[in-house]
Amino acid sequence: MVSDEQIQQWADEAEAGYDVRELKRRGRGRPGRGAEPMQVVAVRLTAEEVAALDEVAEREHLSRSEAIRRALADFAA
């Protein structure tokens, strides 16, 4: 829940104005991974494959997507 204090702080900040250059610099959404647009590819995996993938990702401190990308890079090398 948002407190009255937090709402007042946001209102004060808005009334003081925002640095437009800072807002534009931060951008929106996920940061890009390269110069080219990325493509989403759907892949069907069994429950056992997903469990194995998640195990590797957790052990290596990676997201599921990053673990898949690394596996593909190793495969293609």
PDB file of N, CA and C in Angstrom:
ATOM      1  N   MET A   1       0.834  -1.180   0.000  1.00  0.00           N
ATOM      2  CA  MET A   1       0.000   0.000   0.000  1.00  0.00           C
ATOM      3  C   MET A   1       0.884   1.251   0.000  1.00  0.00           C
ATOM      4  N   VAL A   2       0.437   2.297  -0.652  1.00  0.00           N
ATOM      5  CA  VAL A   2       1.187   3.536  -0.744  1.00  0.00           C
ATOM      6  C   VAL A   2       0.727   4.479   0.356  1.00  0.00           C
ATOM      7  N   SER A   3       1.697   5.062   1.055  1.00  0.00           N
ATOM      8  CA  SER A   3       1.365   5.969   2.157  1.00  0.00           C
ATOM      9  C   SER A   3       1.079   7.373   1.633  1.00  0.00           C
ATOM     10  N   ASP A   4       0.392   8.161   2.454  1.00  0.00           N
ATOM     11  CA  ASP A   4       0.140   9.561   2.105  1.00  0.00           C
ATOM     12  C   ASP A   4       1.457  10.311   1.945  1.00  0.00           C
ATOM     13  N   GLU A   5       2.432   9.936   2.754  1.00  0.00           N
ATOM     14  CA  GLU A   5       3.761  10.553   2.699  1.00  0.00           C
ATOM     15  C   GLU A   5       4.406  10.309   1.328  1.00  0.00           C
ATOM     16  N   GLN A   6       4.312   9.091   0.821  1.00  0.00           N
ATOM     17  CA  GLN A   6       4.891   8.758  -0.481  1.00  0.00           C
ATOM     18  C   GLN A   6       4.176   9.512  -1.592  1.00  0.00           C
ATOM     19  N   ILE A   7       2.856   9.617  -1.509  1.00  0.00           N
ATOM     20  CA  ILE A   7       2.090  10.358  -2.515  1.00  0.00           C
ATOM     21  C   ILE A   7       2.503  11.822  -2.516  1.00  0.00           C
ATOM     22  N   GLN A   8       2.678  12.393  -1.339  1.00  0.00           N
ATOM     23  CA  GLN A   8       3.101  13.793  -1.249  1.00  0.00           C
ATOM     24  C   GLN A   8       4.501  13.974  -1.834  1.00  0.00           C
ATOM     25  N   GLN A   9       5.373  13.027  -1.580  1.00  0.00           N
ATOM     26  CA  GLN A   9       6.737  13.092  -2.125  1.00  0.00           C
ATOM     27  C   GLN A   9       6.699  13.062  -3.654  1.00  0.00           C
ATOM     28  N   TRP A  10       5.878  12.186  -4.232  1.00  0.00           N
ATOM     29  CA  TRP A  10       5.741  12.116  -5.685  1.00  0.00           C
ATOM     30  C   TRP A  10       5.156  13.410  -6.239  1.00  0.00           C
ATOM     31  N   ALA A  11       4.165  13.969  -5.552  1.00  0.00           N
ATOM     32  CA  ALA A  11       3.542  15.212  -6.004  1.00  0.00           C
ATOM     33  C   ALA A  11       4.552  16.358  -5.971  1.00  0.00           C
ATOM     34  N   ASP A  12       5.340  16.431  -4.894  1.00  0.00           N
ATOM     35  CA  ASP A  12       6.375  17.469  -4.784  1.00  0.00           C
ATOM     36  C   ASP A  12       7.398  17.344  -5.908  1.00  0.00           C
ATOM     37  N   GLU A  13       7.786  16.118  -6.197  1.00  0.00           N
ATOM     38  CA  GLU A  13       8.751  15.860  -7.266  1.00  0.00           C
ATOM     39  C   GLU A  13       8.181  16.295  -8.616  1.00  0.00           C
ATOM     40  N   ALA A  14       6.919  15.968  -8.877  1.00  0.00           N
ATOM     41  CA  ALA A  14       6.286  16.335 -10.139  1.00  0.00           C
ATOM     42  C   ALA A  14       6.150  17.850 -10.270  1.00  0.00           C
ATOM     43  N   GLU A  15       5.787  18.511  -9.190  1.00  0.00           N
ATOM     44  CA  GLU A  15       5.625  19.960  -9.214  1.00  0.00           C
ATOM     45  C   GLU A  15       6.952  20.668  -9.424  1.00  0.00           C
ATOM     46  N   ALA A  16       8.040  20.090  -8.929  1.00  0.00           N
ATOM     47  CA  ALA A  16       9.365  20.689  -9.103  1.00  0.00           C
ATOM     48  C   ALA A  16       9.844  20.533 -10.544  1.00  0.00           C
ATOM     49  N   GLY A  17       9.300  19.559 -11.255  1.00  0.00           N
ATOM     50  CA  GLY A  17       9.687  19.315 -12.644  1.00  0.00           C
ATOM     51  C   GLY A  17      10.695  18.181 -12.753  1.00  0.00           C
ATOM     52  N   TYR A  18      10.754  17.597 -13.943  1.00  0.00           N
ATOM     53  CA  TYR A  18      11.654  16.480 -14.184  1.00  0.00           C
ATOM     54  C   TYR A  18      12.728  16.895 -15.184  1.00  0.00           C
ATOM     55  N   ASP A  19      13.861  16.275 -15.087  1.00  0.00           N
ATOM     56  CA  ASP A  19      14.943  16.489 -16.042  1.00  0.00           C
ATOM     57  C   ASP A  19      14.633  15.641 -17.280  1.00  0.00           C
ATOM     58  N   VAL A  20      14.203  16.286 -18.345  1.00  0.00           N
ATOM     59  CA  VAL A  20      13.779  15.577 -19.548  1.00  0.00           C
ATOM     60  C   VAL A  20      14.928  14.762 -20.136  1.00  0.00           C
ATOM     61  N   ARG A  21      16.141  15.313 -20.107  1.00  0.00           N
ATOM     62  CA  ARG A  21      17.291  14.563 -20.645  1.00  0.00           C
ATOM     63  C   ARG A  21      17.494  13.265 -19.887  1.00  0.00           C
ATOM     64  N   GLU A  22      17.313  13.286 -18.582  1.00  0.00           N
ATOM     65  CA  GLU A  22      17.475  12.080 -17.763  1.00  0.00           C
ATOM     66  C   GLU A  22      16.378  11.060 -18.080  1.00  0.00           C
ATOM     67  N   LEU A  23      15.160  11.533 -18.251  1.00  0.00           N
ATOM     68  CA  LEU A  23      14.062  10.625 -18.577  1.00  0.00           C
ATOM     69  C   LEU A  23      14.276   9.957 -19.935  1.00  0.00           C
ATOM     70  N   LYS A  24      14.742  10.712 -20.915  1.00  0.00           N
ATOM     71  CA  LYS A  24      14.987  10.158 -22.243  1.00  0.00           C
ATOM     72  C   LYS A  24      16.166   9.188 -22.224  1.00  0.00           C
ATOM     73  N   ARG A  25      17.177   9.472 -21.424  1.00  0.00           N
ATOM     74  CA  ARG A  25      18.372   8.639 -21.360  1.00  0.00           C
ATOM     75  C   ARG A  25      18.049   7.248 -20.837  1.00  0.00           C
ATOM     76  N   ARG A  26      17.176   7.171 -19.860  1.00  0.00           N
ATOM     77  CA  ARG A  26      16.865   5.880 -19.243  1.00  0.00           C
ATOM     78  C   ARG A  26      16.105   4.963 -20.178  1.00  0.00           C
ATOM     79  N   GLY A  27      15.262   5.488 -21.027  1.00  0.00           N
ATOM     80  CA  GLY A  27      14.504   4.661 -21.954  1.00  0.00           C
ATOM     81  C   GLY A  27      13.478   3.804 -21.244  1.00  0.00           C
ATOM     82  N   ARG A  28      12.812   2.969 -22.019  1.00  0.00           N
ATOM     83  CA  ARG A  28      11.776   2.096 -21.483  1.00  0.00           C
ATOM     84  C   ARG A  28      12.065   0.663 -21.873  1.00  0.00           C
ATOM     85  N   GLY A  29      11.454  -0.242 -21.165  1.00  0.00           N
ATOM     86  CA  GLY A  29      11.545  -1.656 -21.513  1.00  0.00           C
ATOM     87  C   GLY A  29      12.882  -2.278 -21.183  1.00  0.00           C
ATOM     88  N   ARG A  30      13.028  -3.488 -21.641  1.00  0.00           N
ATOM     89  CA  ARG A  30      14.271  -4.215 -21.396  1.00  0.00           C
ATOM     90  C   ARG A  30      15.399  -3.621 -22.217  1.00  0.00           C
ATOM     91  N   PRO A  31      16.595  -3.611 -21.664  1.00  0.00           N
ATOM     92  CA  PRO A  31      17.719  -3.108 -22.448  1.00  0.00           C
ATOM     93  C   PRO A  31      18.015  -4.056 -23.611  1.00  0.00           C
ATOM     94  N   GLY A  32      18.464  -3.496 -24.707  1.00  0.00           N
ATOM     95  CA  GLY A  32      18.783  -4.310 -25.874  1.00  0.00           C
ATOM     96  C   GLY A  32      20.022  -5.163 -25.651  1.00  0.00           C
ATOM     97  N   ARG A  33      20.127  -6.229 -26.426  1.00  0.00           N
ATOM     98  CA  ARG A  33      21.287  -7.102 -26.327  1.00  0.00           C
ATOM     99  C   ARG A  33      22.254  -6.863 -27.467  1.00  0.00           C
ATOM    100  N   GLY A  34      21.900  -6.028 -28.402  1.00  0.00           N
ATOM    101  CA  GLY A  34      22.770  -5.768 -29.533  1.00  0.00           C
ATOM    102  C   GLY A  34      22.149  -4.734 -30.442  1.00  0.00           C
ATOM    103  N   ALA A  35      22.804  -4.523 -31.584  1.00  0.00           N
ATOM    104  CA  ALA A  35      22.332  -3.515 -32.519  1.00  0.00           C
ATOM    105  C   ALA A  35      21.111  -3.998 -33.300  1.00  0.00           C
ATOM    106  N   GLU A  36      20.992  -5.289 -33.488  1.00  0.00           N
ATOM    107  CA  GLU A  36      19.903  -5.854 -34.276  1.00  0.00           C
ATOM    108  C   GLU A  36      18.675  -6.130 -33.405  1.00  0.00           C
ATOM    109  N   PRO A  37      17.480  -6.009 -33.975  1.00  0.00           N
ATOM    110  CA  PRO A  37      16.286  -6.400 -33.219  1.00  0.00           C
ATOM    111  C   PRO A  37      16.317  -7.901 -32.944  1.00  0.00           C
ATOM    112  N   MET A  38      15.791  -8.306 -31.821  1.00  0.00           N
ATOM    113  CA  MET A  38      15.779  -9.720 -31.466  1.00  0.00           C
ATOM    114  C   MET A  38      14.471 -10.343 -31.908  1.00  0.00           C
ATOM    115  N   GLN A  39      14.486 -11.658 -32.015  1.00  0.00           N
ATOM    116  CA  GLN A  39      13.312 -12.402 -32.443  1.00  0.00           C
ATOM    117  C   GLN A  39      12.967 -13.421 -31.367  1.00  0.00           C
ATOM    118  N   VAL A  40      11.693 -13.550 -31.073  1.00  0.00           N
ATOM    119  CA  VAL A  40      11.228 -14.543 -30.113  1.00  0.00           C
ATOM    120  C   VAL A  40      10.964 -15.840 -30.867  1.00  0.00           C
ATOM    121  N   VAL A  41      11.490 -16.952 -30.325  1.00  0.00           N
ATOM    122  CA  VAL A  41      11.306 -18.263 -30.945  1.00  0.00           C
ATOM    123  C   VAL A  41      10.699 -19.193 -29.901  1.00  0.00           C
ATOM    124  N   ALA A  42       9.557 -19.767 -30.216  1.00  0.00           N
ATOM    125  CA  ALA A  42       8.895 -20.684 -29.289  1.00  0.00           C
ATOM    126  C   ALA A  42       9.484 -22.081 -29.465  1.00  0.00           C
ATOM    127  N   VAL A  43       9.751 -22.751 -28.357  1.00  0.00           N
ATOM    128  CA  VAL A  43      10.301 -24.107 -28.365  1.00  0.00           C
ATOM    129  C   VAL A  43       9.500 -24.933 -27.375  1.00  0.00           C
ATOM    130  N   ARG A  44       9.120 -26.133 -27.762  1.00  0.00           N
ATOM    131  CA  ARG A  44       8.391 -27.025 -26.856  1.00  0.00           C
ATOM    132  C   ARG A  44       9.382 -27.941 -26.157  1.00  0.00           C
ATOM    133  N   LEU A  45       9.299 -27.992 -24.834  1.00  0.00           N
ATOM    134  CA  LEU A  45      10.167 -28.845 -24.023  1.00  0.00           C
ATOM    135  C   LEU A  45       9.315 -29.720 -23.115  1.00  0.00           C
ATOM    136  N   THR A  46       9.831 -30.898 -22.809  1.00  0.00           N
ATOM    137  CA  THR A  46       9.151 -31.761 -21.850  1.00  0.00           C
ATOM    138  C   THR A  46       9.362 -31.197 -20.446  1.00  0.00           C
ATOM    139  N   ALA A  47       8.598 -31.700 -19.502  1.00  0.00           N
ATOM    140  CA  ALA A  47       8.752 -31.269 -18.109  1.00  0.00           C
ATOM    141  C   ALA A  47      10.159 -31.585 -17.611  1.00  0.00           C
ATOM    142  N   GLU A  48      10.706 -32.724 -18.039  1.00  0.00           N
ATOM    143  CA  GLU A  48      12.058 -33.111 -17.620  1.00  0.00           C
ATOM    144  C   GLU A  48      13.106 -32.167 -18.207  1.00  0.00           C
ATOM    145  N   GLU A  49      12.912 -31.757 -19.450  1.00  0.00           N
ATOM    146  CA  GLU A  49      13.856 -30.823 -20.080  1.00  0.00           C
ATOM    147  C   GLU A  49      13.811 -29.464 -19.406  1.00  0.00           C
ATOM    148  N   VAL A  50      12.616 -29.001 -19.072  1.00  0.00           N
ATOM    149  CA  VAL A  50      12.474 -27.711 -18.381  1.00  0.00           C
ATOM    150  C   VAL A  50      13.131 -27.789 -17.008  1.00  0.00           C
ATOM    151  N   ALA A  51      12.936 -28.892 -16.294  1.00  0.00           N
ATOM    152  CA  ALA A  51      13.545 -29.055 -14.971  1.00  0.00           C
ATOM    153  C   ALA A  51      15.062 -29.045 -15.079  1.00  0.00           C
ATOM    154  N   ALA A  52      15.611 -29.744 -16.084  1.00  0.00           N
ATOM    155  CA  ALA A  52      17.058 -29.766 -16.277  1.00  0.00           C
ATOM    156  C   ALA A  52      17.579 -28.377 -16.633  1.00  0.00           C
ATOM    157  N   LEU A  53      16.856 -27.673 -17.488  1.00  0.00           N
ATOM    158  CA  LEU A  53      17.226 -26.320 -17.872  1.00  0.00           C
ATOM    159  C   LEU A  53      17.237 -25.394 -16.663  1.00  0.00           C
ATOM    160  N   ASP A  54      16.184 -25.460 -15.860  1.00  0.00           N
ATOM    161  CA  ASP A  54      16.093 -24.613 -14.679  1.00  0.00           C
ATOM    162  C   ASP A  54      17.187 -24.930 -13.667  1.00  0.00           C
ATOM    163  N   GLU A  55      17.545 -26.194 -13.568  1.00  0.00           N
ATOM    164  CA  GLU A  55      18.617 -26.602 -12.654  1.00  0.00           C
ATOM    165  C   GLU A  55      19.949 -25.975 -13.075  1.00  0.00           C
ATOM    166  N   VAL A  56      20.252 -26.051 -14.362  1.00  0.00           N
ATOM    167  CA  VAL A  56      21.492 -25.458 -14.876  1.00  0.00           C
ATOM    168  C   VAL A  56      21.456 -23.943 -14.703  1.00  0.00           C
ATOM    169  N   ALA A  57      20.345 -23.324 -15.053  1.00  0.00           N
ATOM    170  CA  ALA A  57      20.224 -21.867 -14.947  1.00  0.00           C
ATOM    171  C   ALA A  57      20.427 -21.406 -13.511  1.00  0.00           C
ATOM    172  N   GLU A  58      19.829 -22.108 -12.567  1.00  0.00           N
ATOM    173  CA  GLU A  58      19.982 -21.723 -11.160  1.00  0.00           C
ATOM    174  C   GLU A  58      21.422 -21.910 -10.702  1.00  0.00           C
ATOM    175  N   ARG A  59      22.020 -23.025 -11.079  1.00  0.00           N
ATOM    176  CA  ARG A  59      23.397 -23.317 -10.669  1.00  0.00           C
ATOM    177  C   ARG A  59      24.371 -22.277 -11.220  1.00  0.00           C
ATOM    178  N   GLU A  60      24.115 -21.822 -12.440  1.00  0.00           N
ATOM    179  CA  GLU A  60      25.000 -20.853 -13.096  1.00  0.00           C
ATOM    180  C   GLU A  60      24.569 -19.401 -12.865  1.00  0.00           C
ATOM    181  N   HIS A  61      23.485 -19.207 -12.096  1.00  0.00           N
ATOM    182  CA  HIS A  61      22.946 -17.859 -11.815  1.00  0.00           C
ATOM    183  C   HIS A  61      22.577 -17.144 -13.106  1.00  0.00           C
ATOM    184  N   LEU A  62      21.819 -17.853 -13.957  1.00  0.00           N
ATOM    185  CA  LEU A  62      21.375 -17.315 -15.238  1.00  0.00           C
ATOM    186  C   LEU A  62      19.859 -17.349 -15.303  1.00  0.00           C
ATOM    187  N   SER A  63      19.328 -16.540 -16.188  1.00  0.00           N
ATOM    188  CA  SER A  63      17.902 -16.672 -16.490  1.00  0.00           C
ATOM    189  C   SER A  63      17.736 -17.887 -17.394  1.00  0.00           C
ATOM    190  N   ARG A  64      16.531 -18.357 -17.507  1.00  0.00           N
ATOM    191  CA  ARG A  64      16.249 -19.481 -18.397  1.00  0.00           C
ATOM    192  C   ARG A  64      16.665 -19.139 -19.832  1.00  0.00           C
ATOM    193  N   SER A  65      16.327 -17.923 -20.271  1.00  0.00           N
ATOM    194  CA  SER A  65      16.662 -17.496 -21.632  1.00  0.00           C
ATOM    195  C   SER A  65      18.162 -17.455 -21.859  1.00  0.00           C
ATOM    196  N   GLU A  66      18.887 -16.923 -20.902  1.00  0.00           N
ATOM    197  CA  GLU A  66      20.342 -16.834 -21.044  1.00  0.00           C
ATOM    198  C   GLU A  66      20.970 -18.226 -21.082  1.00  0.00           C
ATOM    199  N   ALA A  67      20.452 -19.154 -20.292  1.00  0.00           N
ATOM    200  CA  ALA A  67      20.966 -20.530 -20.314  1.00  0.00           C
ATOM    201  C   ALA A  67      20.742 -21.147 -21.694  1.00  0.00           C
ATOM    202  N   ILE A  68      19.586 -20.909 -22.287  1.00  0.00           N
ATOM    203  CA  ILE A  68      19.296 -21.431 -23.624  1.00  0.00           C
ATOM    204  C   ILE A  68      20.229 -20.789 -24.649  1.00  0.00           C
ATOM    205  N   ARG A  69      20.422 -19.467 -24.568  1.00  0.00           N
ATOM    206  CA  ARG A  69      21.314 -18.788 -25.515  1.00  0.00           C
ATOM    207  C   ARG A  69      22.732 -19.331 -25.420  1.00  0.00           C
ATOM    208  N   ARG A  70      23.209 -19.558 -24.197  1.00  0.00           N
ATOM    209  CA  ARG A  70      24.566 -20.109 -24.029  1.00  0.00           C
ATOM    210  C   ARG A  70      24.667 -21.521 -24.590  1.00  0.00           C
ATOM    211  N   ALA A  71      23.646 -22.319 -24.361  1.00  0.00           N
ATOM    212  CA  ALA A  71      23.641 -23.690 -24.905  1.00  0.00           C
ATOM    213  C   ALA A  71      23.675 -23.653 -26.428  1.00  0.00           C
ATOM    214  N   LEU A  72      22.912 -22.766 -27.033  1.00  0.00           N
ATOM    215  CA  LEU A  72      22.907 -22.643 -28.493  1.00  0.00           C
ATOM    216  C   LEU A  72      24.248 -22.154 -29.017  1.00  0.00           C
ATOM    217  N   ALA A  73      24.866 -21.218 -28.309  1.00  0.00           N
ATOM    218  CA  ALA A  73      26.179 -20.710 -28.730  1.00  0.00           C
ATOM    219  C   ALA A  73      27.212 -21.839 -28.668  1.00  0.00           C
ATOM    220  N   ASP A  74      27.184 -22.641 -27.603  1.00  0.00           N
ATOM    221  CA  ASP A  74      28.106 -23.776 -27.492  1.00  0.00           C
ATOM    222  C   ASP A  74      27.854 -24.797 -28.600  1.00  0.00           C
ATOM    223  N   PHE A  75      26.598 -25.045 -28.896  1.00  0.00           N
ATOM    224  CA  PHE A  75      26.226 -26.009 -29.935  1.00  0.00           C
ATOM    225  C   PHE A  75      26.707 -25.558 -31.300  1.00  0.00           C
ATOM    226  N   ALA A  76      26.578 -24.260 -31.576  1.00  0.00           N
ATOM    227  CA  ALA A  76      26.936 -23.724 -32.881  1.00  0.00           C
ATOM    228  C   ALA A  76      28.446 -23.521 -33.058  1.00  0.00           C
ATOM    229  N   ALA A  77      29.178 -23.544 -31.975  1.00  0.00           N
ATOM    230  CA  ALA A  77      30.641 -23.306 -32.036  1.00  0.00           C
ATOM    231  C   ALA A  77      31.390 -24.467 -32.626  1.00  0.00           C
TER     232      ALA A  77
END
